[in-house]
C-alpha atoms as a PDB file:
ATOM      1  CA  MET A   1     -15.634 -16.083 -15.619  1.00  0.00           C
ATOM      2  CA  ALA A   2     -16.431 -18.145 -12.618  1.00  0.00           C
ATOM      3  CA  SER A   3     -18.720 -17.288 -10.138  1.00  0.00           C
ATOM      4  CA  LEU A   4     -17.506 -15.692  -6.962  1.00  0.00           C
ATOM      5  CA  ARG A   5     -18.375 -18.772  -4.771  1.00  0.00           C
ATOM      6  CA  ALA A   6     -16.505 -20.607  -7.362  1.00  0.00           C
ATOM      7  CA  LEU A   7     -13.312 -17.901  -6.360  1.00  0.00           C
ATOM      8  CA  VAL A   8     -14.020 -18.367  -2.369  1.00  0.00           C
ATOM      9  CA  ARG A   9     -14.003 -22.173  -2.750  1.00  0.00           C
ATOM     10  CA  HIS A  10     -10.757 -22.544  -4.734  1.00  0.00           C
ATOM     11  CA  PRO A  11      -7.744 -23.719  -2.895  1.00  0.00           C
ATOM     12  CA  GLU A  12      -5.643 -20.480  -3.932  1.00  0.00           C
ATOM     13  CA  PHE A  13      -8.348 -18.456  -2.320  1.00  0.00           C
ATOM     14  CA  ARG A  14      -7.452 -19.966   1.084  1.00  0.00           C
ATOM     15  CA  HIS A  15      -3.861 -20.097   0.430  1.00  0.00           C
ATOM     16  CA  GLY A  16      -4.077 -15.934  -0.534  1.00  0.00           C
ATOM     17  CA  PHE A  17      -5.970 -15.382   2.439  1.00  0.00           C
ATOM     18  CA  ALA A  18      -3.911 -17.712   4.757  1.00  0.00           C
ATOM     19  CA  GLU A  19      -0.355 -15.710   3.386  1.00  0.00           C
ATOM     20  CA  MET A  20      -1.942 -12.366   3.945  1.00  0.00           C
ATOM     21  CA  ALA A  21      -3.656 -13.215   7.464  1.00  0.00           C
ATOM     22  CA  ALA A  22      -0.128 -13.596   8.863  1.00  0.00           C
ATOM     23  CA  ILE A  23       0.848 -10.114   7.966  1.00  0.00           C
ATOM     24  CA  ALA A  24      -2.576  -8.838   8.968  1.00  0.00           C
ATOM     25  CA  PRO A  25      -1.538  -7.748  12.686  1.00  0.00           C
ATOM     26  CA  GLY A  26       0.652  -5.241  11.192  1.00  0.00           C
ATOM     27  CA  ILE A  27      -1.660  -3.810   8.696  1.00  0.00           C
ATOM     28  CA  ALA A  28      -3.999  -3.643  11.411  1.00  0.00           C
ATOM     29  CA  ALA A  29      -1.896  -1.895  13.902  1.00  0.00           C
ATOM     30  CA  TRP A  30      -1.562   1.008  11.180  1.00  0.00           C
ATOM     31  CA  GLY A  31      -4.815   1.017  10.281  1.00  0.00           C
ATOM     32  CA  LEU A  32      -5.789   1.534  13.749  1.00  0.00           C
ATOM     33  CA  MET A  33      -3.355   4.506  13.998  1.00  0.00           C
ATOM     34  CA  THR A  34      -4.420   6.130  11.044  1.00  0.00           C
ATOM     35  CA  GLY A  35      -8.242   5.684  12.462  1.00  0.00           C
ATOM     36  CA  VAL A  36      -6.691   7.516  15.380  1.00  0.00           C
ATOM     37  CA  ALA A  37      -4.877  10.467  13.536  1.00  0.00           C
ATOM     38  CA  MET A  38      -8.026  10.907  11.322  1.00  0.00           C
ATOM     39  CA  VAL A  39      -9.907  12.126  14.395  1.00  0.00           C
ATOM     40  CA  LYS A  40      -7.072  13.432  16.309  1.00  0.00           C
ATOM     41  CA  SER A  41      -6.303  15.659  13.504  1.00  0.00           C
ATOM     42  CA  GLY A  42      -9.725  17.694  13.708  1.00  0.00           C
ATOM     43  CA  MET A  43     -11.538  15.627  11.124  1.00  0.00           C
ATOM     44  CA  GLY A  44     -15.135  14.997  12.286  1.00  0.00           C
ATOM     45  CA  THR A  45     -16.067  11.672  13.326  1.00  0.00           C
ATOM     46  CA  VAL A  46     -18.664  11.140  10.216  1.00  0.00           C
ATOM     47  CA  GLU A  47     -16.241  12.248   7.562  1.00  0.00           C
ATOM     48  CA  ALA A  48     -13.425  10.130   9.594  1.00  0.00           C
ATOM     49  CA  LEU A  49     -15.813   7.043   9.129  1.00  0.00           C
ATOM     50  CA  PHE A  50     -16.191   7.899   5.875  1.00  0.00           C
ATOM     51  CA  MET A  51     -12.692   8.176   4.488  1.00  0.00           C
ATOM     52  CA  ALA A  52     -12.012   4.497   6.670  1.00  0.00           C
ATOM     53  CA  LEU A  53     -14.682   2.998   4.530  1.00  0.00           C
ATOM     54  CA  THR A  54     -13.892   4.287   1.082  1.00  0.00           C
ATOM     55  CA  VAL A  55     -10.309   5.190   1.128  1.00  0.00           C
ATOM     56  CA  PHE A  56      -7.955   2.393   1.055  1.00  0.00           C
ATOM     57  CA  ALA A  57      -4.459   4.142   0.668  1.00  0.00           C
ATOM     58  CA  GLY A  58      -2.621   4.138   4.084  1.00  0.00           C
ATOM     59  CA  SER A  59       0.453   5.833   3.369  1.00  0.00           C
ATOM     60  CA  ALA A  60      -1.396   8.574   1.311  1.00  0.00           C
ATOM     61  CA  GLN A  61      -3.603   9.424   4.397  1.00  0.00           C
ATOM     62  CA  LEU A  62      -0.671   9.203   6.913  1.00  0.00           C
ATOM     63  CA  ALA A  63       1.139  12.057   4.405  1.00  0.00           C
ATOM     64  CA  ALA A  64      -2.015  14.001   3.644  1.00  0.00           C
ATOM     65  CA  ILE A  65      -3.559  14.222   7.405  1.00  0.00           C
ATOM     66  CA  PRO A  66      -0.938  16.369   8.472  1.00  0.00           C
ATOM     67  CA  LEU A  67      -1.108  18.296   5.817  1.00  0.00           C
ATOM     68  CA  MET A  68      -4.890  19.016   6.244  1.00  0.00           C
ATOM     69  CA  LEU A  69      -4.014  19.735   9.926  1.00  0.00           C
ATOM     70  CA  GLY A  70      -1.366  22.210   9.152  1.00  0.00           C
ATOM     71  CA  GLY A  71      -3.876  24.123   6.466  1.00  0.00           C
ATOM     72  CA  ALA A  72      -1.667  23.327   3.539  1.00  0.00           C
ATOM     73  CA  PRO A  73      -3.413  24.129  -0.114  1.00  0.00           C
ATOM     74  CA  VAL A  74      -5.224  21.442  -1.413  1.00  0.00           C
ATOM     75  CA  TRP A  75      -2.719  21.027  -4.264  1.00  0.00           C
ATOM     76  CA  VAL A  76      -0.098  20.415  -2.305  1.00  0.00           C
ATOM     77  CA  ILE A  77      -2.414  17.887  -0.278  1.00  0.00           C
ATOM     78  CA  LEU A  78      -3.456  16.225  -3.630  1.00  0.00           C
ATOM     79  CA  ALA A  79       0.115  16.442  -4.935  1.00  0.00           C
ATOM     80  CA  THR A  80       1.520  14.967  -1.985  1.00  0.00           C
ATOM     81  CA  ALA A  81      -1.166  11.936  -2.055  1.00  0.00           C
ATOM     82  CA  PHE A  82      -0.084  11.311  -5.992  1.00  0.00           C
ATOM     83  CA  CYS A  83       3.408  11.048  -5.242  1.00  0.00           C
ATOM     84  CA  VAL A  84       2.962   8.787  -2.816  1.00  0.00           C
ATOM     85  CA  ASN A  85       0.538   6.662  -5.195  1.00  0.00           C
ATOM     86  CA  LEU A  86       2.748   6.741  -7.846  1.00  0.00           C
ATOM     87  CA  ARG A  87       4.107   3.099  -7.685  1.00  0.00           C
ATOM     88  CA  PHE A  88       0.507   1.580  -8.223  1.00  0.00           C
ATOM     89  CA  VAL A  89       1.094   2.902 -11.414  1.00  0.00           C
ATOM     90  CA  VAL A  90       3.802   0.393 -11.793  1.00  0.00           C
ATOM     91  CA  PHE A  91       1.835  -2.271 -10.170  1.00  0.00           C
ATOM     92  CA  SER A  92      -0.885  -2.336 -12.481  1.00  0.00           C
ATOM     93  CA  ALA A  93       1.588  -2.092 -15.364  1.00  0.00           C
ATOM     94  CA  HIS A  94       2.947  -5.290 -14.261  1.00  0.00           C
ATOM     95  CA  MET A  95      -0.529  -6.573 -13.122  1.00  0.00           C
ATOM     96  CA  ARG A  96      -2.211  -5.864 -16.244  1.00  0.00           C
ATOM     97  CA  PRO A  97      -1.566  -9.208 -18.205  1.00  0.00           C
ATOM     98  CA  PHE A  98      -3.267 -11.086 -15.101  1.00  0.00           C
ATOM     99  CA  VAL A  99      -6.784  -9.616 -15.055  1.00  0.00           C
ATOM    100  CA  MET A 100      -7.250  -8.646 -18.531  1.00  0.00           C
ATOM    101  CA  HIS A 101      -9.563 -11.307 -19.389  1.00  0.00           C
ATOM    102  CA  LEU A 102     -11.903 -10.040 -16.199  1.00  0.00           C
ATOM    103  CA  PRO A 103     -15.181  -7.580 -16.572  1.00  0.00           C
ATOM    104  CA  MET A 104     -14.089  -3.941 -16.278  1.00  0.00           C
ATOM    105  CA  ARG A 105     -16.067  -3.639 -13.101  1.00  0.00           C
ATOM    106  CA  LEU A 106     -13.672  -6.614 -11.624  1.00  0.00           C
ATOM    107  CA  ARG A 107     -10.838  -5.263 -13.125  1.00  0.00           C
ATOM    108  CA  TRP A 108     -11.408  -1.919 -10.873  1.00  0.00           C
ATOM    109  CA  LEU A 109     -12.212  -4.183  -7.826  1.00  0.00           C
ATOM    110  CA  ALA A 110      -8.644  -5.712  -7.861  1.00  0.00           C
ATOM    111  CA  GLY A 111      -7.050  -2.527  -8.332  1.00  0.00           C
ATOM    112  CA  TYR A 112      -8.643  -1.375  -5.571  1.00  0.00           C
ATOM    113  CA  LEU A 113      -7.925  -4.259  -3.627  1.00  0.00           C
ATOM    114  CA  THR A 114      -4.339  -4.686  -4.569  1.00  0.00           C
ATOM    115  CA  GLY A 115      -2.044  -2.757  -1.977  1.00  0.00           C
ATOM    116  CA  ASP A 116       2.093  -3.071  -1.554  1.00  0.00           C
ATOM    117  CA  LEU A 117       1.805  -6.806   0.165  1.00  0.00           C
ATOM    118  CA  THR A 118      -1.020  -8.025  -2.108  1.00  0.00           C
ATOM    119  CA  TYR A 119       1.172  -6.817  -5.149  1.00  0.00           C
ATOM    120  CA  VAL A 120       4.419  -8.455  -3.705  1.00  0.00           C
ATOM    121  CA  LEU A 121       2.850 -11.701  -2.670  1.00  0.00           C
ATOM    122  CA  PHE A 122       0.764 -12.487  -5.351  1.00  0.00           C
ATOM    123  CA  ILE A 123       3.644 -11.808  -8.019  1.00  0.00           C
ATOM    124  CA  LYS A 124       6.004 -13.592  -5.633  1.00  0.00           C
ATOM    125  CA  HIS A 125       3.370 -16.753  -5.973  1.00  0.00           C
ATOM    126  CA  HIS A 126       2.227 -16.203  -9.912  1.00  0.00           C
ATOM    127  CA  PRO A 127       5.342 -14.754 -11.562  1.00  0.00           C
ATOM    128  CA  THR A 128       3.955 -15.176 -15.138  1.00  0.00           C
ATOM    129  CA  PRO A 129       0.324 -14.987 -16.344  1.00  0.00           C
ATOM    130  CA  ALA A 130      -1.603 -18.389 -16.432  1.00  0.00           C
ATOM    131  CA  PRO A 131      -1.515 -19.662 -20.226  1.00  0.00           C
ATOM    132  CA  ASP A 132      -5.097 -21.510 -19.627  1.00  0.00           C
ATOM    133  CA  GLU A 133      -8.321 -21.032 -18.001  1.00  0.00           C
ATOM    134  CA  ALA A 134      -7.893 -23.100 -15.015  1.00  0.00           C
ATOM    135  CA  GLY A 135      -4.720 -21.111 -14.303  1.00  0.00           C
ATOM    136  CA  ARG A 136      -6.082 -17.835 -14.911  1.00  0.00           C
ATOM    137  CA  LEU A 137      -9.105 -19.006 -12.052  1.00  0.00           C
ATOM    138  CA  ALA A 138      -6.246 -20.202  -9.754  1.00  0.00           C
ATOM    139  CA  GLN A 139      -4.583 -16.704  -9.883  1.00  0.00           C
ATOM    140  CA  VAL A 140      -7.628 -14.416  -9.914  1.00  0.00           C
ATOM    141  CA  ALA A 141      -8.588 -16.671  -6.218  1.00  0.00           C
ATOM    142  CA  TYR A 142      -5.201 -16.382  -4.753  1.00  0.00           C
ATOM    143  CA  LEU A 143      -5.338 -12.213  -5.174  1.00  0.00           C
ATOM    144  CA  ALA A 144      -9.160 -12.340  -4.438  1.00  0.00           C
ATOM    145  CA  GLY A 145      -8.326 -13.939  -0.985  1.00  0.00           C
ATOM    146  CA  ASN A 146      -5.230 -12.005  -0.263  1.00  0.00           C
ATOM    147  CA  GLY A 147      -6.932  -8.602  -1.198  1.00  0.00           C
ATOM    148  CA  SER A 148     -10.182  -9.387   1.018  1.00  0.00           C
ATOM    149  CA  ILE A 149      -8.693 -10.205   3.965  1.00  0.00           C
ATOM    150  CA  ASN A 150      -5.682  -7.141   3.397  1.00  0.00           C
ATOM    151  CA  TRP A 151      -8.790  -4.780   2.937  1.00  0.00           C
ATOM    152  CA  PHE A 152     -10.563  -6.365   6.037  1.00  0.00           C
ATOM    153  CA  ALA A 153      -7.608  -5.873   8.491  1.00  0.00           C
ATOM    154  CA  TRP A 154      -7.101  -2.754   7.284  1.00  0.00           C
ATOM    155  CA  THR A 155     -10.875  -0.914   7.264  1.00  0.00           C
ATOM    156  CA  SER A 156     -11.965  -2.563  10.131  1.00  0.00           C
ATOM    157  CA  SER A 157      -8.906  -1.546  12.547  1.00  0.00           C
ATOM    158  CA  SER A 158      -9.018   2.143  11.007  1.00  0.00           C
ATOM    159  CA  LEU A 159     -12.616   2.286  12.127  1.00  0.00           C
ATOM    160  CA  LEU A 160     -12.278   0.968  15.179  1.00  0.00           C
ATOM    161  CA  GLY A 161      -9.797   3.806  15.742  1.00  0.00           C
ATOM    162  CA  VAL A 162     -11.789   6.241  14.636  1.00  0.00           C
ATOM    163  CA  VAL A 163     -14.591   4.736  16.826  1.00  0.00           C
ATOM    164  CA  LEU A 164     -12.004   5.005  20.076  1.00  0.00           C
ATOM    165  CA  ALA A 165      -9.794   7.990  19.017  1.00  0.00           C
ATOM    166  CA  ASN A 166     -11.403   9.689  21.934  1.00  0.00           C
ATOM    167  CA  TRP A 167     -10.843   7.487  24.468  1.00  0.00           C
ATOM    168  CA  ILE A 168      -7.265   6.492  23.294  1.00  0.00           C
ATOM    169  CA  PRO A 169      -4.551   8.301  24.872  1.00  0.00           C
ATOM    170  CA  THR A 170      -2.223  10.096  22.625  1.00  0.00           C
ATOM    171  CA  ALA A 171       0.477   8.808  25.227  1.00  0.00           C
ATOM    172  CA  TRP A 172       0.160   5.004  24.464  1.00  0.00           C
ATOM    173  CA  GLY A 173       2.423   5.612  21.790  1.00  0.00           C
ATOM    174  CA  LEU A 174       0.082   4.294  18.678  1.00  0.00           C
ATOM    175  CA  GLY A 175       1.956   6.975  16.601  1.00  0.00           C
ATOM    176  CA  PHE A 176       5.258   4.814  17.350  1.00  0.00           C
ATOM    177  CA  ALA A 177       3.411   1.444  16.675  1.00  0.00           C
ATOM    178  CA  GLY A 178       2.395   2.645  13.081  1.00  0.00           C
ATOM    179  CA  ILE A 179       5.774   3.545  12.271  1.00  0.00           C
ATOM    180  CA  LEU A 180       7.140  -0.090  13.378  1.00  0.00           C
ATOM    181  CA  ALA A 181       4.144  -1.216  10.681  1.00  0.00           C
ATOM    182  CA  LEU A 182       5.092   0.929   8.210  1.00  0.00           C
ATOM    183  CA  VAL A 183       9.217   0.022   8.967  1.00  0.00           C
ATOM    184  CA  GLY A 184       8.418  -3.650   8.976  1.00  0.00           C
ATOM    185  CA  MET A 185       5.872  -3.837   5.495  1.00  0.00           C
ATOM    186  CA  THR A 186       8.805  -1.812   4.032  1.00  0.00           C
ATOM    187  CA  CYS A 187      11.600  -4.231   4.874  1.00  0.00           C
ATOM    188  CA  SER A 188       9.434  -6.726   3.246  1.00  0.00           C
ATOM    189  CA  LEU A 189       9.099  -4.831   0.116  1.00  0.00           C
ATOM    190  CA  VAL A 190      13.151  -4.219  -0.056  1.00  0.00           C
ATOM    191  CA  THR A 191      14.189  -7.267  -2.353  1.00  0.00           C
ATOM    192  CA  SER A 192      17.108  -6.293  -4.034  1.00  0.00           C
ATOM    193  CA  ARG A 193      20.357  -4.135  -4.054  1.00  0.00           C
ATOM    194  CA  LEU A 194      18.708  -1.207  -5.679  1.00  0.00           C
ATOM    195  CA  ARG A 195      15.568  -1.335  -3.598  1.00  0.00           C
ATOM    196  CA  TRP A 196      17.957  -0.946  -0.866  1.00  0.00           C
ATOM    197  CA  VAL A 197      19.358   1.968  -2.611  1.00  0.00           C
ATOM    198  CA  ALA A 198      16.169   3.502  -3.122  1.00  0.00           C
ATOM    199  CA  ALA A 199      15.016   2.935   0.583  1.00  0.00           C
ATOM    200  CA  GLY A 200      18.249   4.682   1.978  1.00  0.00           C
ATOM    201  CA  VAL A 201      18.187   7.341  -0.544  1.00  0.00           C
ATOM    202  CA  ALA A 202      14.596   8.164   0.226  1.00  0.00           C
ATOM    203  CA  ALA A 203      15.451   7.918   4.192  1.00  0.00           C
ATOM    204  CA  CYS A 204      18.598  10.224   4.103  1.00  0.00           C
ATOM    205  CA  ALA A 205      16.943  12.871   1.911  1.00  0.00           C
ATOM    206  CA  GLY A 206      13.914  12.818   4.115  1.00  0.00           C
ATOM    207  CA  VAL A 207      15.775  13.772   7.273  1.00  0.00           C
ATOM    208  CA  ALA A 208      18.352  16.180   5.262  1.00  0.00           C
ATOM    209  CA  ALA A 209      14.628  18.451   4.214  1.00  0.00           C
ATOM    210  CA  PHE A 210      12.835  17.535   7.340  1.00  0.00           C
ATOM    211  CA  ALA A 211      12.985  21.401   7.904  1.00  0.00           C
ATOM    212  CA  LEU A 212      10.890  21.950   4.714  1.00  0.00           C
ATOM    213  CA  PRO A 213       6.995  23.322   5.810  1.00  0.00           C
ATOM    214  CA  MET A 214       4.117  21.228   5.152  1.00  0.00           C
ATOM    215  CA  LYS A 215       5.832  17.882   5.310  1.00  0.00           C
ATOM    216  CA  LEU A 216       7.475  18.944   1.677  1.00  0.00           C
ATOM    217  CA  ASN A 217      10.320  16.373   2.552  1.00  0.00           C
ATOM    218  CA  ILE A 218       8.188  13.514   1.884  1.00  0.00           C
ATOM    219  CA  LEU A 219       8.063  14.925  -2.049  1.00  0.00           C
ATOM    220  CA  VAL A 220      11.783  15.288  -1.950  1.00  0.00           C
ATOM    221  CA  ALA A 221      12.492  11.694  -0.585  1.00  0.00           C
ATOM    222  CA  ILE A 222      10.458  10.451  -3.220  1.00  0.00           C
ATOM    223  CA  ALA A 223      12.212  12.179  -5.890  1.00  0.00           C
ATOM    224  CA  ALA A 224      15.597  11.768  -4.542  1.00  0.00           C
ATOM    225  CA  ALA A 225      14.990   8.145  -4.420  1.00  0.00           C
ATOM    226  CA  VAL A 226      13.091   7.871  -7.884  1.00  0.00           C
ATOM    227  CA  SER A 227      15.795  10.003  -9.699  1.00  0.00           C
ATOM    228  CA  LEU A 228      18.647   8.078  -8.439  1.00  0.00           C
ATOM    229  CA  CYS A 229      17.471   4.744  -9.315  1.00  0.00           C
ATOM    230  CA  LEU A 230      15.946   5.697 -13.047  1.00  0.00           C
ATOM    231  CA  MET A 231      19.566   6.348 -13.191  1.00  0.00           C
ATOM    232  CA  LEU A 232      21.454   3.193 -11.982  1.00  0.00           C
ATOM    233  CA  GLU A 233      18.483   1.169 -13.850  1.00  0.00           C
ATOM    234  CA  GLY A 234      20.077   2.412 -16.902  1.00  0.00           C
ATOM    235  CA  THR A 235      23.961   0.942 -16.108  1.00  0.00           C
ATOM    236  CA  PRO A 236      24.861  -1.726 -18.065  1.00  0.00           C
ATOM    237  CA  CYS A 237      24.966  -3.620 -14.397  1.00  0.00           C
ATOM    238  CA  ALA A 238      21.621  -3.245 -13.638  1.00  0.00           C
ATOM    239  CA  ARG A 239      20.178  -4.262 -17.444  1.00  0.00           C
ATOM    240  CA  ALA A 240      22.618  -7.577 -16.899  1.00  0.00           C
ATOM    241  CA  LYS A 241      21.004  -8.250 -13.341  1.00  0.00           C
ATOM    242  CA  ALA A 242      17.732  -7.520 -14.775  1.00  0.00           C
ATOM    243  CA  GLN A 243      18.039 -10.175 -17.672  1.00  0.00           C
ATOM    244  CA  GLU A 244      19.174 -12.753 -15.285  1.00  0.00           C
ATOM    245  CA  HIS A 245      16.195 -12.373 -13.507  1.00  0.00           C
END
């Protein structure tokens, strides 16, 4: 396996870095809002800083924070975070052939650094695993460049949000900025008709079940979208389109 220096100097590292850097401002806005939300929810500064440094799961954090603020049972918080992050099971299964040649510690690191847009951009740029050592090096270099700027943008802005939380008025609308960032990221992930259907069903189910306590409408939205997509994927039309791609 090549050294870290070789990865950083590889042209694909700069390519991955540049592609994610174009999206980094949206990620930073989301991270800033999440950092502020952690403190505003009543979490201590030390705990919030520790969470910002170690937890790299924005959607799960945003889903868990209101539940923590509302005094929800631990199992509800854990179940919500688990459901929100279920997509990474699919991501990791797809990414497995690309990283199985790496040592275990580097596979763990690759999994930690792989976010939604990191996965999307990587698969778009490298749709199939490379057959030789040079190609595998290029793919890992791209993933490292992409994932590193993604992690830095999120973590640094989240830390900044924690530090500035007591000086940033809620009236500034950081929550709305975070929603805009999430909408932008969601739209970039919706690249097929089935995904548009999933997004629409999840949105409708979430709004319809909004009155449920402890933000359980999030679980309802996820369950409705996943269930419908599983049924649609089994239709002959969906199988034919999958074979075309």
